[in-house]
mmCIF file of all heavy atoms, coordinates in Angstrom:
data_MODEL
# 
_entry.id   MODEL 
# 
loop_
_atom_site.group_PDB 
_atom_site.id 
_atom_site.type_symbol 
_atom_site.label_atom_id 
_atom_site.label_alt_id 
_atom_site.label_comp_id 
_atom_site.label_asym_id 
_atom_site.label_entity_id 
_atom_site.label_seq_id 
_atom_site.pdbx_PDB_ins_code 
_atom_site.Cartn_x 
_atom_site.Cartn_y 
_atom_site.Cartn_z 
_atom_site.occupancy 
_atom_site.B_iso_or_equiv 
_atom_site.pdbx_formal_charge 
_atom_site.auth_seq_id 
_atom_site.auth_comp_id 
_atom_site.auth_asym_id 
_atom_site.auth_atom_id 
_atom_site.pdbx_PDB_model_num 
ATOM 1   N N   . LEU A 1 1  ? 45.379 -33.742 -23.528 1.00 0.00 ? 1  LEU A N   1 
ATOM 2   C CA  . LEU A 1 1  ? 45.347 -32.400 -22.966 1.00 0.00 ? 1  LEU A CA  1 
ATOM 3   C C   . LEU A 1 1  ? 44.074 -32.315 -22.127 1.00 0.00 ? 1  LEU A C   1 
ATOM 4   O O   . LEU A 1 1  ? 42.971 -32.396 -22.660 1.00 0.00 ? 1  LEU A O   1 
ATOM 5   C CB  . LEU A 1 1  ? 45.351 -31.359 -24.088 1.00 0.00 ? 1  LEU A CB  1 
ATOM 6   C CG  . LEU A 1 1  ? 45.697 -29.931 -23.687 1.00 0.00 ? 1  LEU A CG  1 
ATOM 7   C CD1 . LEU A 1 1  ? 47.083 -29.860 -23.045 1.00 0.00 ? 1  LEU A CD1 1 
ATOM 8   C CD2 . LEU A 1 1  ? 45.650 -29.007 -24.896 1.00 0.00 ? 1  LEU A CD2 1 
ATOM 9   N N   . ALA A 1 2  ? 44.239 -32.194 -20.819 1.00 0.00 ? 2  ALA A N   1 
ATOM 10  C CA  . ALA A 1 2  ? 43.100 -32.203 -19.901 1.00 0.00 ? 2  ALA A CA  1 
ATOM 11  C C   . ALA A 1 2  ? 42.788 -30.788 -19.427 1.00 0.00 ? 2  ALA A C   1 
ATOM 12  O O   . ALA A 1 2  ? 43.667 -30.080 -18.945 1.00 0.00 ? 2  ALA A O   1 
ATOM 13  C CB  . ALA A 1 2  ? 43.414 -33.092 -18.705 1.00 0.00 ? 2  ALA A CB  1 
ATOM 14  N N   . GLU A 1 3  ? 41.530 -30.407 -19.560 1.00 0.00 ? 3  GLU A N   1 
ATOM 15  C CA  . GLU A 1 3  ? 41.076 -29.094 -19.086 1.00 0.00 ? 3  GLU A CA  1 
ATOM 16  C C   . GLU A 1 3  ? 41.076 -29.077 -17.566 1.00 0.00 ? 3  GLU A C   1 
ATOM 17  O O   . GLU A 1 3  ? 40.572 -29.998 -16.924 1.00 0.00 ? 3  GLU A O   1 
ATOM 18  C CB  . GLU A 1 3  ? 39.665 -28.832 -19.605 1.00 0.00 ? 3  GLU A CB  1 
ATOM 19  C CG  . GLU A 1 3  ? 39.016 -27.631 -18.998 1.00 0.00 ? 3  GLU A CG  1 
ATOM 20  C CD  . GLU A 1 3  ? 37.497 -27.721 -19.005 1.00 0.00 ? 3  GLU A CD  1 
ATOM 21  O OE1 . GLU A 1 3  ? 36.928 -28.420 -19.844 1.00 0.00 ? 3  GLU A OE1 1 
ATOM 22  O OE2 . GLU A 1 3  ? 36.900 -27.070 -18.136 1.00 0.00 ? 3  GLU A OE2 1 
ATOM 23  N N   . ILE A 1 4  ? 41.647 -28.028 -16.991 1.00 0.00 ? 4  ILE A N   1 
ATOM 24  C CA  . ILE A 1 4  ? 41.672 -27.864 -15.540 1.00 0.00 ? 4  ILE A CA  1 
ATOM 25  C C   . ILE A 1 4  ? 40.712 -26.751 -15.121 1.00 0.00 ? 4  ILE A C   1 
ATOM 26  O O   . ILE A 1 4  ? 39.983 -26.883 -14.153 1.00 0.00 ? 4  ILE A O   1 
ATOM 27  C CB  . ILE A 1 4  ? 43.104 -27.529 -15.043 1.00 0.00 ? 4  ILE A CB  1 
ATOM 28  C CG1 . ILE A 1 4  ? 44.094 -28.590 -15.498 1.00 0.00 ? 4  ILE A CG1 1 
ATOM 29  C CG2 . ILE A 1 4  ? 43.132 -27.351 -13.526 1.00 0.00 ? 4  ILE A CG2 1 
ATOM 30  C CD1 . ILE A 1 4  ? 43.784 -29.990 -15.027 1.00 0.00 ? 4  ILE A CD1 1 
ATOM 31  N N   . PHE A 1 5  ? 40.735 -25.651 -15.849 1.00 0.00 ? 5  PHE A N   1 
ATOM 32  C CA  . PHE A 1 5  ? 39.799 -24.571 -15.560 1.00 0.00 ? 5  PHE A CA  1 
ATOM 33  C C   . PHE A 1 5  ? 39.412 -23.890 -16.858 1.00 0.00 ? 5  PHE A C   1 
ATOM 34  O O   . PHE A 1 5  ? 40.178 -23.822 -17.802 1.00 0.00 ? 5  PHE A O   1 
ATOM 35  C CB  . PHE A 1 5  ? 40.355 -23.568 -14.541 1.00 0.00 ? 5  PHE A CB  1 
ATOM 36  C CG  . PHE A 1 5  ? 41.734 -23.025 -14.857 1.00 0.00 ? 5  PHE A CG  1 
ATOM 37  C CD1 . PHE A 1 5  ? 41.903 -21.906 -15.638 1.00 0.00 ? 5  PHE A CD1 1 
ATOM 38  C CD2 . PHE A 1 5  ? 42.862 -23.647 -14.336 1.00 0.00 ? 5  PHE A CD2 1 
ATOM 39  C CE1 . PHE A 1 5  ? 43.165 -21.413 -15.920 1.00 0.00 ? 5  PHE A CE1 1 
ATOM 40  C CE2 . PHE A 1 5  ? 44.136 -23.157 -14.605 1.00 0.00 ? 5  PHE A CE2 1 
ATOM 41  C CZ  . PHE A 1 5  ? 44.288 -22.039 -15.405 1.00 0.00 ? 5  PHE A CZ  1 
ATOM 42  N N   . TRP A 1 6  ? 38.166 -23.417 -16.885 1.00 0.00 ? 6  TRP A N   1 
ATOM 43  C CA  . TRP A 1 6  ? 37.638 -22.738 -18.063 1.00 0.00 ? 6  TRP A CA  1 
ATOM 44  C C   . TRP A 1 6  ? 36.639 -21.711 -17.554 1.00 0.00 ? 6  TRP A C   1 
ATOM 45  O O   . TRP A 1 6  ? 35.672 -22.058 -16.882 1.00 0.00 ? 6  TRP A O   1 
ATOM 46  C CB  . TRP A 1 6  ? 36.956 -23.748 -18.970 1.00 0.00 ? 6  TRP A CB  1 
ATOM 47  C CG  . TRP A 1 6  ? 36.545 -23.207 -20.303 1.00 0.00 ? 6  TRP A CG  1 
ATOM 48  C CD1 . TRP A 1 6  ? 36.523 -21.916 -20.726 1.00 0.00 ? 6  TRP A CD1 1 
ATOM 49  C CD2 . TRP A 1 6  ? 36.103 -23.974 -21.419 1.00 0.00 ? 6  TRP A CD2 1 
ATOM 50  N NE1 . TRP A 1 6  ? 36.092 -21.829 -22.024 1.00 0.00 ? 6  TRP A NE1 1 
ATOM 51  C CE2 . TRP A 1 6  ? 35.828 -23.084 -22.480 1.00 0.00 ? 6  TRP A CE2 1 
ATOM 52  C CE3 . TRP A 1 6  ? 35.896 -25.319 -21.629 1.00 0.00 ? 6  TRP A CE3 1 
ATOM 53  C CZ2 . TRP A 1 6  ? 35.367 -23.494 -23.713 1.00 0.00 ? 6  TRP A CZ2 1 
ATOM 54  C CZ3 . TRP A 1 6  ? 35.440 -25.740 -22.866 1.00 0.00 ? 6  TRP A CZ3 1 
ATOM 55  C CH2 . TRP A 1 6  ? 35.183 -24.834 -23.899 1.00 0.00 ? 6  TRP A CH2 1 
ATOM 56  N N   . TYR A 1 7  ? 36.899 -20.456 -17.876 1.00 0.00 ? 7  TYR A N   1 
ATOM 57  C CA  . TYR A 1 7  ? 36.019 -19.393 -17.404 1.00 0.00 ? 7  TYR A CA  1 
ATOM 58  C C   . TYR A 1 7  ? 35.955 -18.284 -18.436 1.00 0.00 ? 7  TYR A C   1 
ATOM 59  O O   . TYR A 1 7  ? 36.978 -17.847 -18.962 1.00 0.00 ? 7  TYR A O   1 
ATOM 60  C CB  . TYR A 1 7  ? 36.528 -18.806 -16.074 1.00 0.00 ? 7  TYR A CB  1 
ATOM 61  C CG  . TYR A 1 7  ? 35.636 -17.722 -15.532 1.00 0.00 ? 7  TYR A CG  1 
ATOM 62  C CD1 . TYR A 1 7  ? 34.471 -18.046 -14.854 1.00 0.00 ? 7  TYR A CD1 1 
ATOM 63  C CD2 . TYR A 1 7  ? 35.943 -16.384 -15.707 1.00 0.00 ? 7  TYR A CD2 1 
ATOM 64  C CE1 . TYR A 1 7  ? 33.633 -17.043 -14.360 1.00 0.00 ? 7  TYR A CE1 1 
ATOM 65  C CE2 . TYR A 1 7  ? 35.112 -15.382 -15.219 1.00 0.00 ? 7  TYR A CE2 1 
ATOM 66  C CZ  . TYR A 1 7  ? 33.961 -15.722 -14.553 1.00 0.00 ? 7  TYR A CZ  1 
ATOM 67  O OH  . TYR A 1 7  ? 33.130 -14.744 -14.083 1.00 0.00 ? 7  TYR A OH  1 
ATOM 68  N N   . VAL A 1 8  ? 34.743 -17.826 -18.717 1.00 0.00 ? 8  VAL A N   1 
ATOM 69  C CA  . VAL A 1 8  ? 34.502 -16.660 -19.571 1.00 0.00 ? 8  VAL A CA  1 
ATOM 70  C C   . VAL A 1 8  ? 33.615 -15.715 -18.772 1.00 0.00 ? 8  VAL A C   1 
ATOM 71  O O   . VAL A 1 8  ? 32.627 -16.146 -18.158 1.00 0.00 ? 8  VAL A O   1 
ATOM 72  C CB  . VAL A 1 8  ? 33.829 -17.060 -20.906 1.00 0.00 ? 8  VAL A CB  1 
ATOM 73  C CG1 . VAL A 1 8  ? 33.487 -15.836 -21.736 1.00 0.00 ? 8  VAL A CG1 1 
ATOM 74  C CG2 . VAL A 1 8  ? 34.723 -18.013 -21.702 1.00 0.00 ? 8  VAL A CG2 1 
ATOM 75  N N   . LEU A 1 9  ? 33.993 -14.447 -18.743 1.00 0.00 ? 9  LEU A N   1 
ATOM 76  C CA  . LEU A 1 9  ? 33.168 -13.461 -18.043 1.00 0.00 ? 9  LEU A CA  1 
ATOM 77  C C   . LEU A 1 9  ? 31.721 -13.569 -18.531 1.00 0.00 ? 9  LEU A C   1 
ATOM 78  O O   . LEU A 1 9  ? 31.481 -13.734 -19.735 1.00 0.00 ? 9  LEU A O   1 
ATOM 79  C CB  . LEU A 1 9  ? 33.699 -12.048 -18.297 1.00 0.00 ? 9  LEU A CB  1 
ATOM 80  C CG  . LEU A 1 9  ? 35.063 -11.720 -17.692 1.00 0.00 ? 9  LEU A CG  1 
ATOM 81  C CD1 . LEU A 1 9  ? 35.570 -10.368 -18.223 1.00 0.00 ? 9  LEU A CD1 1 
ATOM 82  C CD2 . LEU A 1 9  ? 34.992 -11.696 -16.173 1.00 0.00 ? 9  LEU A CD2 1 
ATOM 83  N N   . PRO A 1 10 ? 30.751 -13.501 -17.627 1.00 0.00 ? 10 PRO A N   1 
ATOM 84  C CA  . PRO A 1 10 ? 29.345 -13.694 -18.012 1.00 0.00 ? 10 PRO A CA  1 
ATOM 85  C C   . PRO A 1 10 ? 28.883 -12.841 -19.187 1.00 0.00 ? 10 PRO A C   1 
ATOM 86  O O   . PRO A 1 10 ? 28.156 -13.319 -20.057 1.00 0.00 ? 10 PRO A O   1 
ATOM 87  C CB  . PRO A 1 10 ? 28.577 -13.339 -16.734 1.00 0.00 ? 10 PRO A CB  1 
ATOM 88  C CG  . PRO A 1 10 ? 29.537 -13.640 -15.636 1.00 0.00 ? 10 PRO A CG  1 
ATOM 89  C CD  . PRO A 1 10 ? 30.898 -13.284 -16.189 1.00 0.00 ? 10 PRO A CD  1 
ATOM 90  N N   . GLU A 1 11 ? 29.317 -11.603 -19.246 1.00 0.00 ? 11 GLU A N   1 
ATOM 91  C CA  . GLU A 1 11 ? 28.852 -10.722 -20.327 1.00 0.00 ? 11 GLU A CA  1 
ATOM 92  C C   . GLU A 1 11 ? 29.435 -11.077 -21.697 1.00 0.00 ? 11 GLU A C   1 
ATOM 93  O O   . GLU A 1 11 ? 29.015 -10.529 -22.721 1.00 0.00 ? 11 GLU A O   1 
ATOM 94  C CB  . GLU A 1 11 ? 29.130 -9.254  -19.984 1.00 0.00 ? 11 GLU A CB  1 
ATOM 95  C CG  . GLU A 1 11 ? 30.586 -8.922  -19.766 1.00 0.00 ? 11 GLU A CG  1 
ATOM 96  C CD  . GLU A 1 11 ? 31.061 -9.049  -18.320 1.00 0.00 ? 11 GLU A CD  1 
ATOM 97  O OE1 . GLU A 1 11 ? 30.525 -9.881  -17.563 1.00 0.00 ? 11 GLU A OE1 1 
ATOM 98  O OE2 . GLU A 1 11 ? 31.985 -8.299  -17.966 1.00 0.00 ? 11 GLU A OE2 1 
ATOM 99  N N   . TYR A 1 12 ? 30.366 -12.031 -21.743 1.00 0.00 ? 12 TYR A N   1 
ATOM 100 C CA  . TYR A 1 12 ? 30.984 -12.446 -23.009 1.00 0.00 ? 12 TYR A CA  1 
ATOM 101 C C   . TYR A 1 12 ? 30.653 -13.888 -23.373 1.00 0.00 ? 12 TYR A C   1 
ATOM 102 O O   . TYR A 1 12 ? 31.231 -14.445 -24.295 1.00 0.00 ? 12 TYR A O   1 
ATOM 103 C CB  . TYR A 1 12 ? 32.506 -12.260 -22.941 1.00 0.00 ? 12 TYR A CB  1 
ATOM 104 C CG  . TYR A 1 12 ? 32.892 -10.817 -22.874 1.00 0.00 ? 12 TYR A CG  1 
ATOM 105 C CD1 . TYR A 1 12 ? 33.103 -10.183 -21.651 1.00 0.00 ? 12 TYR A CD1 1 
ATOM 106 C CD2 . TYR A 1 12 ? 33.012 -10.053 -24.034 1.00 0.00 ? 12 TYR A CD2 1 
ATOM 107 C CE1 . TYR A 1 12 ? 33.435 -8.840  -21.585 1.00 0.00 ? 12 TYR A CE1 1 
ATOM 108 C CE2 . TYR A 1 12 ? 33.340 -8.712  -23.978 1.00 0.00 ? 12 TYR A CE2 1 
ATOM 109 C CZ  . TYR A 1 12 ? 33.548 -8.117  -22.752 1.00 0.00 ? 12 TYR A CZ  1 
ATOM 110 O OH  . TYR A 1 12 ? 33.867 -6.778  -22.700 1.00 0.00 ? 12 TYR A OH  1 
ATOM 111 N N   . ARG A 1 13 ? 29.718 -14.498 -22.688 1.00 0.00 ? 13 ARG A N   1 
ATOM 112 C CA  . ARG A 1 13 ? 29.423 -15.917 -22.911 1.00 0.00 ? 13 ARG A CA  1 
ATOM 113 C C   . ARG A 1 13 ? 28.667 -16.209 -24.199 1.00 0.00 ? 13 ARG A C   1 
ATOM 114 O O   . ARG A 1 13 ? 28.751 -17.307 -24.702 1.00 0.00 ? 13 ARG A O   1 
ATOM 115 C CB  . ARG A 1 13 ? 28.679 -16.476 -21.709 1.00 0.00 ? 13 ARG A CB  1 
ATOM 116 C CG  . ARG A 1 13 ? 29.607 -16.482 -20.518 1.00 0.00 ? 13 ARG A CG  1 
ATOM 117 C CD  . ARG A 1 13 ? 29.136 -17.326 -19.420 1.00 0.00 ? 13 ARG A CD  1 
ATOM 118 N NE  . ARG A 1 13 ? 30.126 -17.258 -18.345 1.00 0.00 ? 13 ARG A NE  1 
ATOM 119 C CZ  . ARG A 1 13 ? 29.858 -17.449 -17.102 1.00 0.00 ? 13 ARG A CZ  1 
ATOM 120 N NH1 . ARG A 1 13 ? 28.636 -17.761 -16.734 1.00 0.00 ? 13 ARG A NH1 1 
ATOM 121 N NH2 . ARG A 1 13 ? 30.816 -17.355 -16.203 1.00 0.00 ? 13 ARG A NH2 1 
ATOM 122 N N   . LYS A 1 14 ? 27.982 -15.257 -24.732 1.00 0.00 ? 14 LYS A N   1 
ATOM 123 C CA  . LYS A 1 14 ? 27.268 -15.500 -25.990 1.00 0.00 ? 14 LYS A CA  1 
ATOM 124 C C   . LYS A 1 14 ? 27.992 -14.821 -27.142 1.00 0.00 ? 14 LYS A C   1 
ATOM 125 O O   . LYS A 1 14 ? 27.376 -14.344 -28.087 1.00 0.00 ? 14 LYS A O   1 
ATOM 126 C CB  . LYS A 1 14 ? 25.820 -15.041 -25.876 1.00 0.00 ? 14 LYS A CB  1 
ATOM 127 C CG  . LYS A 1 14 ? 25.050 -15.907 -24.899 1.00 0.00 ? 14 LYS A CG  1 
ATOM 128 C CD  . LYS A 1 14 ? 23.588 -15.602 -24.891 1.00 0.00 ? 14 LYS A CD  1 
ATOM 129 C CE  . LYS A 1 14 ? 22.918 -16.525 -23.888 1.00 0.00 ? 14 LYS A CE  1 
ATOM 130 N NZ  . LYS A 1 14 ? 21.480 -16.441 -23.913 1.00 0.00 ? 14 LYS A NZ  1 
ATOM 131 N N   . THR A 1 15 ? 29.332 -14.809 -27.033 1.00 0.00 ? 15 THR A N   1 
ATOM 132 C CA  . THR A 1 15 ? 30.173 -14.232 -28.078 1.00 0.00 ? 15 THR A CA  1 
ATOM 133 C C   . THR A 1 15 ? 31.091 -15.332 -28.602 1.00 0.00 ? 15 THR A C   1 
ATOM 134 O O   . THR A 1 15 ? 30.927 -16.501 -28.264 1.00 0.00 ? 15 THR A O   1 
ATOM 135 C CB  . THR A 1 15 ? 31.037 -13.076 -27.511 1.00 0.00 ? 15 THR A CB  1 
ATOM 136 O OG1 . THR A 1 15 ? 32.004 -13.619 -26.600 1.00 0.00 ? 15 THR A OG1 1 
ATOM 137 C CG2 . THR A 1 15 ? 30.177 -12.032 -26.796 1.00 0.00 ? 15 THR A CG2 1 
ATOM 138 N N   . ARG A 1 16 ? 32.086 -14.965 -29.363 1.00 0.00 ? 16 ARG A N   1 
ATOM 139 C CA  . ARG A 1 16 ? 33.037 -15.928 -29.925 1.00 0.00 ? 16 ARG A CA  1 
ATOM 140 C C   . ARG A 1 16 ? 34.132 -16.342 -28.941 1.00 0.00 ? 16 ARG A C   1 
ATOM 141 O O   . ARG A 1 16 ? 34.914 -17.230 -29.214 1.00 0.00 ? 16 ARG A O   1 
ATOM 142 C CB  . ARG A 1 16 ? 33.691 -15.331 -31.172 1.00 0.00 ? 16 ARG A CB  1 
ATOM 143 C CG  . ARG A 1 16 ? 32.683 -15.061 -32.283 1.00 0.00 ? 16 ARG A CG  1 
ATOM 144 C CD  . ARG A 1 16 ? 33.303 -14.747 -33.612 1.00 0.00 ? 16 ARG A CD  1 
ATOM 145 N NE  . ARG A 1 16 ? 34.466 -15.515 -34.008 1.00 0.00 ? 16 ARG A NE  1 
ATOM 146 C CZ  . ARG A 1 16 ? 34.466 -16.794 -34.406 1.00 0.00 ? 16 ARG A CZ  1 
ATOM 147 N NH1 . ARG A 1 16 ? 33.336 -17.455 -34.437 1.00 0.00 ? 16 ARG A NH1 1 
ATOM 148 N NH2 . ARG A 1 16 ? 35.585 -17.387 -34.771 1.00 0.00 ? 16 ARG A NH2 1 
ATOM 149 N N   . ALA A 1 17 ? 34.194 -15.717 -27.779 1.00 0.00 ? 17 ALA A N   1 
ATOM 150 C CA  . ALA A 1 17 ? 35.283 -15.962 -26.836 1.00 0.00 ? 17 ALA A CA  1 
ATOM 151 C C   . ALA A 1 17 ? 35.424 -17.441 -26.469 1.00 0.00 ? 17 ALA A C   1 
ATOM 152 O O   . ALA A 1 17 ? 36.514 -18.012 -26.549 1.00 0.00 ? 17 ALA A O   1 
ATOM 153 C CB  . ALA A 1 17 ? 35.104 -15.120 -25.579 1.00 0.00 ? 17 ALA A CB  1 
ATOM 154 N N   . GLY A 1 18 ? 34.348 -18.070 -26.064 1.00 0.00 ? 18 GLY A N   1 
ATOM 155 C CA  . GLY A 1 18 ? 34.403 -19.472 -25.652 1.00 0.00 ? 18 GLY A CA  1 
ATOM 156 C C   . GLY A 1 18 ? 34.804 -20.412 -26.762 1.00 0.00 ? 18 GLY A C   1 
ATOM 157 O O   . GLY A 1 18 ? 35.634 -21.308 -26.571 1.00 0.00 ? 18 GLY A O   1 
ATOM 158 N N   . ILE A 1 19 ? 34.235 -20.230 -27.944 1.00 0.00 ? 19 ILE A N   1 
ATOM 159 C CA  . ILE A 1 19 ? 34.562 -21.121 -29.064 1.00 0.00 ? 19 ILE A CA  1 
ATOM 160 C C   . ILE A 1 19 ? 35.995 -20.919 -29.521 1.00 0.00 ? 19 ILE A C   1 
ATOM 161 O O   . ILE A 1 19 ? 36.671 -21.874 -29.905 1.00 0.00 ? 19 ILE A O   1 
ATOM 162 C CB  . ILE A 1 19 ? 33.559 -20.975 -30.240 1.00 0.00 ? 19 ILE A CB  1 
ATOM 163 C CG1 . ILE A 1 19 ? 33.747 -22.101 -31.258 1.00 0.00 ? 19 ILE A CG1 1 
ATOM 164 C CG2 . ILE A 1 19 ? 33.686 -19.648 -30.931 1.00 0.00 ? 19 ILE A CG2 1 
ATOM 165 C CD1 . ILE A 1 19 ? 33.388 -23.463 -30.752 1.00 0.00 ? 19 ILE A CD1 1 
ATOM 166 N N   . LEU A 1 20 ? 36.492 -19.697 -29.458 1.00 0.00 ? 20 LEU A N   1 
ATOM 167 C CA  . LEU A 1 20 ? 37.889 -19.469 -29.822 1.00 0.00 ? 20 LEU A CA  1 
ATOM 168 C C   . LEU A 1 20 ? 38.832 -20.162 -28.841 1.00 0.00 ? 20 LEU A C   1 
ATOM 169 O O   . LEU A 1 20 ? 39.851 -20.737 -29.249 1.00 0.00 ? 20 LEU A O   1 
ATOM 170 C CB  . LEU A 1 20 ? 38.187 -17.976 -29.893 1.00 0.00 ? 20 LEU A CB  1 
ATOM 171 C CG  . LEU A 1 20 ? 37.535 -17.223 -31.052 1.00 0.00 ? 20 LEU A CG  1 
ATOM 172 C CD1 . LEU A 1 20 ? 37.778 -15.729 -30.915 1.00 0.00 ? 20 LEU A CD1 1 
ATOM 173 C CD2 . LEU A 1 20 ? 38.038 -17.736 -32.395 1.00 0.00 ? 20 LEU A CD2 1 
ATOM 174 N N   . LEU A 1 21 ? 38.496 -20.135 -27.560 1.00 0.00 ? 21 LEU A N   1 
ATOM 175 C CA  . LEU A 1 21 ? 39.290 -20.860 -26.571 1.00 0.00 ? 21 LEU A CA  1 
ATOM 176 C C   . LEU A 1 21 ? 39.270 -22.355 -26.862 1.00 0.00 ? 21 LEU A C   1 
ATOM 177 O O   . LEU A 1 21 ? 40.307 -23.023 -26.854 1.00 0.00 ? 21 LEU A O   1 
ATOM 178 C CB  . LEU A 1 21 ? 38.766 -20.606 -25.153 1.00 0.00 ? 21 LEU A CB  1 
ATOM 179 C CG  . LEU A 1 21 ? 39.072 -19.253 -24.548 1.00 0.00 ? 21 LEU A CG  1 
ATOM 180 C CD1 . LEU A 1 21 ? 38.279 -19.058 -23.262 1.00 0.00 ? 21 LEU A CD1 1 
ATOM 181 C CD2 . LEU A 1 21 ? 40.561 -19.092 -24.292 1.00 0.00 ? 21 LEU A CD2 1 
ATOM 182 N N   . PHE A 1 22 ? 38.079 -22.880 -27.137 1.00 0.00 ? 22 PHE A N   1 
ATOM 183 C CA  . PHE A 1 22 ? 37.976 -24.314 -27.407 1.00 0.00 ? 22 PHE A CA  1 
ATOM 184 C C   . PHE A 1 22 ? 38.747 -24.707 -28.664 1.00 0.00 ? 22 PHE A C   1 
ATOM 185 O O   . PHE A 1 22 ? 39.428 -25.732 -28.682 1.00 0.00 ? 22 PHE A O   1 
ATOM 186 C CB  . PHE A 1 22 ? 36.516 -24.762 -27.543 1.00 0.00 ? 22 PHE A CB  1 
ATOM 187 C CG  . PHE A 1 22 ? 36.422 -26.218 -27.884 1.00 0.00 ? 22 PHE A CG  1 
ATOM 188 C CD1 . PHE A 1 22 ? 36.642 -27.173 -26.907 1.00 0.00 ? 22 PHE A CD1 1 
ATOM 189 C CD2 . PHE A 1 22 ? 36.179 -26.632 -29.181 1.00 0.00 ? 22 PHE A CD2 1 
ATOM 190 C CE1 . PHE A 1 22 ? 36.607 -28.526 -27.230 1.00 0.00 ? 22 PHE A CE1 1 
ATOM 191 C CE2 . PHE A 1 22 ? 36.138 -27.971 -29.507 1.00 0.00 ? 22 PHE A CE2 1 
ATOM 192 C CZ  . PHE A 1 22 ? 36.345 -28.929 -28.526 1.00 0.00 ? 22 PHE A CZ  1 
ATOM 193 N N   . LYS A 1 23 ? 38.654 -23.912 -29.715 1.00 0.00 ? 23 LYS A N   1 
ATOM 194 C CA  . LYS A 1 23 ? 39.369 -24.236 -30.950 1.00 0.00 ? 23 LYS A CA  1 
ATOM 195 C C   . LYS A 1 23 ? 40.878 -24.254 -30.738 1.00 0.00 ? 23 LYS A C   1 
ATOM 196 O O   . LYS A 1 23 ? 41.582 -25.121 -31.267 1.00 0.00 ? 23 LYS A O   1 
ATOM 197 C CB  . LYS A 1 23 ? 39.001 -23.244 -32.055 1.00 0.00 ? 23 LYS A CB  1 
ATOM 198 C CG  . LYS A 1 23 ? 37.625 -23.494 -32.635 1.00 0.00 ? 23 LYS A CG  1 
ATOM 199 C CD  . LYS A 1 23 ? 37.332 -22.525 -33.767 1.00 0.00 ? 23 LYS A CD  1 
ATOM 200 C CE  . LYS A 1 23 ? 35.980 -22.839 -34.385 1.00 0.00 ? 23 LYS A CE  1 
ATOM 201 N NZ  . LYS A 1 23 ? 35.712 -21.988 -35.548 1.00 0.00 ? 23 LYS A NZ  1 
ATOM 202 N N   . LEU A 1 24 ? 41.401 -23.318 -29.964 1.00 0.00 ? 24 LEU A N   1 
ATOM 203 C CA  . LEU A 1 24 ? 42.829 -23.291 -29.675 1.00 0.00 ? 24 LEU A CA  1 
ATOM 204 C C   . LEU A 1 24 ? 43.228 -24.491 -28.813 1.00 0.00 ? 24 LEU A C   1 
ATOM 205 O O   . LEU A 1 24 ? 44.250 -25.134 -29.050 1.00 0.00 ? 24 LEU A O   1 
ATOM 206 C CB  . LEU A 1 24 ? 43.204 -21.972 -28.996 1.00 0.00 ? 24 LEU A CB  1 
ATOM 207 C CG  . LEU A 1 24 ? 44.675 -21.716 -28.742 1.00 0.00 ? 24 LEU A CG  1 
ATOM 208 C CD1 . LEU A 1 24 ? 45.528 -21.899 -30.013 1.00 0.00 ? 24 LEU A CD1 1 
ATOM 209 C CD2 . LEU A 1 24 ? 44.874 -20.320 -28.183 1.00 0.00 ? 24 LEU A CD2 1 
# 
């Protein structure tokens, strides 16, 4: 599974949003 794009709004970068995306 190859990542093509990954983006989190700047104001949410130090939240759980990114790690939840990665875990899924």
